[in-house]
Amino acid sequence: MRLVVFDVDGTLVNSQHEITEAMNLGLRDAGLPEMASAAILSIVGLSLPIAVAHLLPEASPVLHERVVTGYRDAFIASRARGVVPPLYPGALDCLDALSAQEDVLLGIATGKPMRGLMAVLEAHGLARRFFTRQTADGHPSKPHPAMLESALFDAGLEAWQAVMVGDTTFDMEMARAAGVTGFGVDWGYHPSAELHGAGAALVAPDYPTLTQALLDWVPKEKTT
């Protein structure tokens, strides 16, 4: 058996506009100036309170909480308007190809809360695709390995039988910490060179390449 775990934002869905808009609304609500998209997207993948602390290292915890609250309120309002980030081209084909393999289980590991994750999956008809869904609820932020460890426990598999697919160094560092193979994608929010530097076994330029790499991937038990 193989377990393929996907990140969400920047990997499965293109949510950069929604994320930057929500963060800047949170900043404005807290009386702070807006930030450039590049700065905001650099922290995508971290759990929200950790991400805000990274963006505002000199701010007080009270100010951090105001930004977090504003961000969450903006996301809730966006969902109420029916706004859903689109899947990247080829993402559904990839999931279809993997789901057709009898020896493959699919999982999610995301910095989103479960509520936010399920809203995205249900909007795209993907809620039942994933055997295990790990979120920021009840787990330390990436790159801590807890999400992957829980996914492996759910699947009853060992680390060498799993691969983590993500677009950020946080994903690759989490994979490395958990002893899991990391596959990076270069259509997300961190550059390819940084993904390689964080331990990615490969960085796919598009979904067809990623799909074939995942289909060809053969787990090899690590020996000491």
Foldseek 3Di string as FASTA:
>chain_A
DFEEEEEPDQTFFPCLVLQLVLLQQLQVQLVHHRDDSLLLQQLAQWAQLVSLCVSCVPDDPVSSVSSSVSSVVSVVVCVVVVDATDTDPQSVVLLVLQLPDPPYAYEYEGSADPVVVVSRCVVVVNPPSHQYYHYNVPDHTFPAQVRVVVVCVSVVHAQLRYEYEEAHLSRLLNSVNRVHAYEYECSGNDHPVSNVVSPHPYYDDDNVVVSVCVVPDDRDDDDD
